[in-house]
Amino acid sequence: MGETTFKVYVTPEEKAQITANAKASRLSMSAYARALALGEHPPGALELNAVDQLFKVHANLGRLGGLLKMLRTNDERLEDIGREMGLATIDGTLADIRKTQAGLLELVDLTVAKTGRRG
């Protein structure tokens, strides 16, 4: 079963708007028009930007966790802040980071499910 063309007549202004919407959705004109014609909701720029930002926050939290793990193994620095209190604080913060990362990934999954695409 091959593909076929489907012609739609639009004004130059409508074409410009459709082109801008397709670009904002990171889709080709063809993919964007197909999605709309099939009743799908192509992702908007705001939704895609939200997914991008959630991934960046997730990555930053991972880097912060790595730094905290390094601090946890640095006996000299831990002695300065009190070893037991320092370890408890670091461990609690690492647990909070993991919980936040899991929540961020849930938000990404919800956004992806809504848009039907992954950033």
C-alpha atoms as a PDB file:
ATOM      1  CA  MET A   1       0.000   0.000   0.000  1.00  0.00           C
ATOM      2  CA  GLY A   2       1.747   3.155  -1.225  1.00  0.00           C
ATOM      3  CA  GLU A   3       1.310   6.778  -0.358  1.00  0.00           C
ATOM      4  CA  THR A   4      -0.702   9.200  -2.420  1.00  0.00           C
ATOM      5  CA  THR A   5      -1.029  12.959  -2.523  1.00  0.00           C
ATOM      6  CA  PHE A   6      -3.932  14.990  -1.232  1.00  0.00           C
ATOM      7  CA  LYS A   7      -4.255  18.530  -2.531  1.00  0.00           C
ATOM      8  CA  VAL A   8      -5.641  21.330  -0.364  1.00  0.00           C
ATOM      9  CA  TYR A   9      -6.105  24.892  -1.543  1.00  0.00           C
ATOM     10  CA  VAL A  10      -5.180  27.642   0.902  1.00  0.00           C
ATOM     11  CA  THR A  11      -4.444  31.344   0.711  1.00  0.00           C
ATOM     12  CA  PRO A  12      -0.826  32.530   1.002  1.00  0.00           C
ATOM     13  CA  GLU A  13      -1.598  33.743   4.524  1.00  0.00           C
ATOM     14  CA  GLU A  14      -3.043  30.364   5.515  1.00  0.00           C
ATOM     15  CA  LYS A  15      -0.035  28.597   4.042  1.00  0.00           C
ATOM     16  CA  ALA A  16       2.280  30.854   6.038  1.00  0.00           C
ATOM     17  CA  GLN A  17       0.351  30.090   9.237  1.00  0.00           C
ATOM     18  CA  ILE A  18       0.325  26.343   8.546  1.00  0.00           C
ATOM     19  CA  THR A  19       4.061  26.427   7.810  1.00  0.00           C
ATOM     20  CA  ALA A  20       4.742  28.295  11.074  1.00  0.00           C
ATOM     21  CA  ASN A  21       2.580  25.859  13.051  1.00  0.00           C
ATOM     22  CA  ALA A  22       4.323  22.859  11.489  1.00  0.00           C
ATOM     23  CA  LYS A  23       7.738  24.338  12.269  1.00  0.00           C
ATOM     24  CA  ALA A  24       6.706  25.058  15.882  1.00  0.00           C
ATOM     25  CA  SER A  25       5.599  21.424  16.184  1.00  0.00           C
ATOM     26  CA  ARG A  26       8.912  20.249  14.706  1.00  0.00           C
ATOM     27  CA  LEU A  27       7.013  18.434  11.968  1.00  0.00           C
ATOM     28  CA  SER A  28       7.176  18.647   8.215  1.00  0.00           C
ATOM     29  CA  MET A  29       4.217  20.338   6.540  1.00  0.00           C
ATOM     30  CA  SER A  30       3.067  16.935   5.322  1.00  0.00           C
ATOM     31  CA  ALA A  31       3.285  15.287   8.752  1.00  0.00           C
ATOM     32  CA  TYR A  32       1.580  18.263  10.396  1.00  0.00           C
ATOM     33  CA  ALA A  33      -1.300  18.336   7.897  1.00  0.00           C
ATOM     34  CA  ARG A  34      -1.677  14.542   8.098  1.00  0.00           C
ATOM     35  CA  ALA A  35      -1.877  14.639  11.896  1.00  0.00           C
ATOM     36  CA  LEU A  36      -4.531  17.355  11.835  1.00  0.00           C
ATOM     37  CA  ALA A  37      -6.545  15.626   9.121  1.00  0.00           C
ATOM     38  CA  LEU A  38      -6.514  12.399  11.148  1.00  0.00           C
ATOM     39  CA  GLY A  39      -7.770  14.225  14.241  1.00  0.00           C
ATOM     40  CA  GLU A  40      -4.476  14.055  16.111  1.00  0.00           C
ATOM     41  CA  HIS A  41      -3.087  16.875  18.219  1.00  0.00           C
ATOM     42  CA  PRO A  42       0.388  17.797  16.964  1.00  0.00           C
ATOM     43  CA  PRO A  43       2.607  19.073  19.752  1.00  0.00           C
ATOM     44  CA  GLY A  44       2.936  22.804  20.084  1.00  0.00           C
ATOM     45  CA  ALA A  45       6.149  24.692  20.656  1.00  0.00           C
ATOM     46  CA  LEU A  46       5.200  25.260  24.302  1.00  0.00           C
ATOM     47  CA  GLU A  47       4.718  21.540  24.944  1.00  0.00           C
ATOM     48  CA  LEU A  48       7.950  20.596  23.201  1.00  0.00           C
ATOM     49  CA  ASN A  49       9.833  23.323  25.064  1.00  0.00           C
ATOM     50  CA  ALA A  50       8.412  22.006  28.348  1.00  0.00           C
ATOM     51  CA  VAL A  51       9.722  18.511  27.579  1.00  0.00           C
ATOM     52  CA  ASP A  52      13.147  19.942  26.681  1.00  0.00           C
ATOM     53  CA  GLN A  53      13.258  21.913  29.934  1.00  0.00           C
ATOM     54  CA  LEU A  54      12.199  18.910  32.012  1.00  0.00           C
ATOM     55  CA  PHE A  55      15.027  16.859  30.493  1.00  0.00           C
ATOM     56  CA  LYS A  56      17.499  19.656  31.293  1.00  0.00           C
ATOM     57  CA  VAL A  57      16.353  19.847  34.917  1.00  0.00           C
ATOM     58  CA  HIS A  58      16.572  16.054  35.157  1.00  0.00           C
ATOM     59  CA  ALA A  59      20.153  16.145  33.845  1.00  0.00           C
ATOM     60  CA  ASN A  60      21.127  18.983  36.208  1.00  0.00           C
ATOM     61  CA  LEU A  61      19.758  17.039  39.159  1.00  0.00           C
ATOM     62  CA  GLY A  62      21.836  14.069  38.063  1.00  0.00           C
ATOM     63  CA  ARG A  63      24.967  16.222  37.990  1.00  0.00           C
ATOM     64  CA  LEU A  64      24.133  17.620  41.441  1.00  0.00           C
ATOM     65  CA  GLY A  65      23.704  14.078  42.729  1.00  0.00           C
ATOM     66  CA  GLY A  66      27.114  13.160  41.345  1.00  0.00           C
ATOM     67  CA  LEU A  67      28.719  16.116  43.126  1.00  0.00           C
ATOM     68  CA  LEU A  68      27.024  15.180  46.389  1.00  0.00           C
ATOM     69  CA  LYS A  69      28.281  11.605  46.046  1.00  0.00           C
ATOM     70  CA  MET A  70      31.806  12.976  45.573  1.00  0.00           C
ATOM     71  CA  LEU A  71      31.412  15.112  48.717  1.00  0.00           C
ATOM     72  CA  ARG A  72      30.151  12.068  50.590  1.00  0.00           C
ATOM     73  CA  THR A  73      33.472  10.300  49.949  1.00  0.00           C
ATOM     74  CA  ASN A  74      35.618  13.332  50.874  1.00  0.00           C
ATOM     75  CA  ASP A  75      36.407  12.713  54.560  1.00  0.00           C
ATOM     76  CA  GLU A  76      38.242  16.016  54.981  1.00  0.00           C
ATOM     77  CA  ARG A  77      35.251  18.117  53.886  1.00  0.00           C
ATOM     78  CA  LEU A  78      32.814  16.013  55.887  1.00  0.00           C
ATOM     79  CA  GLU A  79      34.835  16.553  59.062  1.00  0.00           C
ATOM     80  CA  ASP A  80      34.382  20.313  58.594  1.00  0.00           C
ATOM     81  CA  ILE A  81      30.572  20.032  58.705  1.00  0.00           C
ATOM     82  CA  GLY A  82      30.303  17.097  61.103  1.00  0.00           C
ATOM     83  CA  ARG A  83      30.575  13.651  59.556  1.00  0.00           C
ATOM     84  CA  GLU A  84      27.302  12.084  60.759  1.00  0.00           C
ATOM     85  CA  MET A  85      25.180  15.173  60.151  1.00  0.00           C
ATOM     86  CA  GLY A  86      26.859  15.696  56.780  1.00  0.00           C
ATOM     87  CA  LEU A  87      26.244  12.114  55.642  1.00  0.00           C
ATOM     88  CA  ALA A  88      22.605  12.223  56.766  1.00  0.00           C
ATOM     89  CA  THR A  89      22.059  15.521  54.959  1.00  0.00           C
ATOM     90  CA  ILE A  90      23.717  14.285  51.769  1.00  0.00           C
ATOM     91  CA  ASP A  91      21.797  10.989  51.823  1.00  0.00           C
ATOM     92  CA  GLY A  92      18.507  12.815  52.371  1.00  0.00           C
ATOM     93  CA  THR A  93      19.279  15.239  49.545  1.00  0.00           C
ATOM     94  CA  LEU A  94      20.199  12.376  47.198  1.00  0.00           C
ATOM     95  CA  ALA A  95      16.890  10.674  48.005  1.00  0.00           C
ATOM     96  CA  ASP A  96      15.053  13.941  47.300  1.00  0.00           C
ATOM     97  CA  ILE A  97      16.884  14.296  43.978  1.00  0.00           C
ATOM     98  CA  ARG A  98      15.904  10.755  42.918  1.00  0.00           C
ATOM     99  CA  LYS A  99      12.277  11.418  43.891  1.00  0.00           C
ATOM    100  CA  THR A 100      12.256  14.712  41.956  1.00  0.00           C
ATOM    101  CA  GLN A 101      13.818  13.054  38.909  1.00  0.00           C
ATOM    102  CA  ALA A 102      11.145  10.352  38.952  1.00  0.00           C
ATOM    103  CA  GLY A 103       8.457  13.051  39.122  1.00  0.00           C
ATOM    104  CA  LEU A 104      10.027  14.911  36.206  1.00  0.00           C
ATOM    105  CA  LEU A 105      10.050  11.763  34.083  1.00  0.00           C
ATOM    106  CA  GLU A 106       6.361  11.230  34.909  1.00  0.00           C
ATOM    107  CA  LEU A 107       5.655  14.766  33.658  1.00  0.00           C
ATOM    108  CA  VAL A 108       7.610  14.051  30.484  1.00  0.00           C
ATOM    109  CA  ASP A 109       5.626  10.848  29.951  1.00  0.00           C
ATOM    110  CA  LEU A 110       2.327  12.716  30.430  1.00  0.00           C
ATOM    111  CA  THR A 111       3.384  15.441  27.980  1.00  0.00           C
ATOM    112  CA  VAL A 112       4.620  12.882  25.479  1.00  0.00           C
ATOM    113  CA  ALA A 113       1.354  10.950  25.757  1.00  0.00           C
ATOM    114  CA  LYS A 114      -0.567  14.175  25.130  1.00  0.00           C
ATOM    115  CA  THR A 115       1.490  15.134  22.083  1.00  0.00           C
ATOM    116  CA  GLY A 116       2.136  11.670  20.729  1.00  0.00           C
ATOM    117  CA  ARG A 117       5.816  12.522  20.194  1.00  0.00           C
ATOM    118  CA  ARG A 118       9.001  12.630  22.216  1.00  0.00           C
ATOM    119  CA  GLY A 119      10.862  15.970  21.886  1.00  0.00           C
END
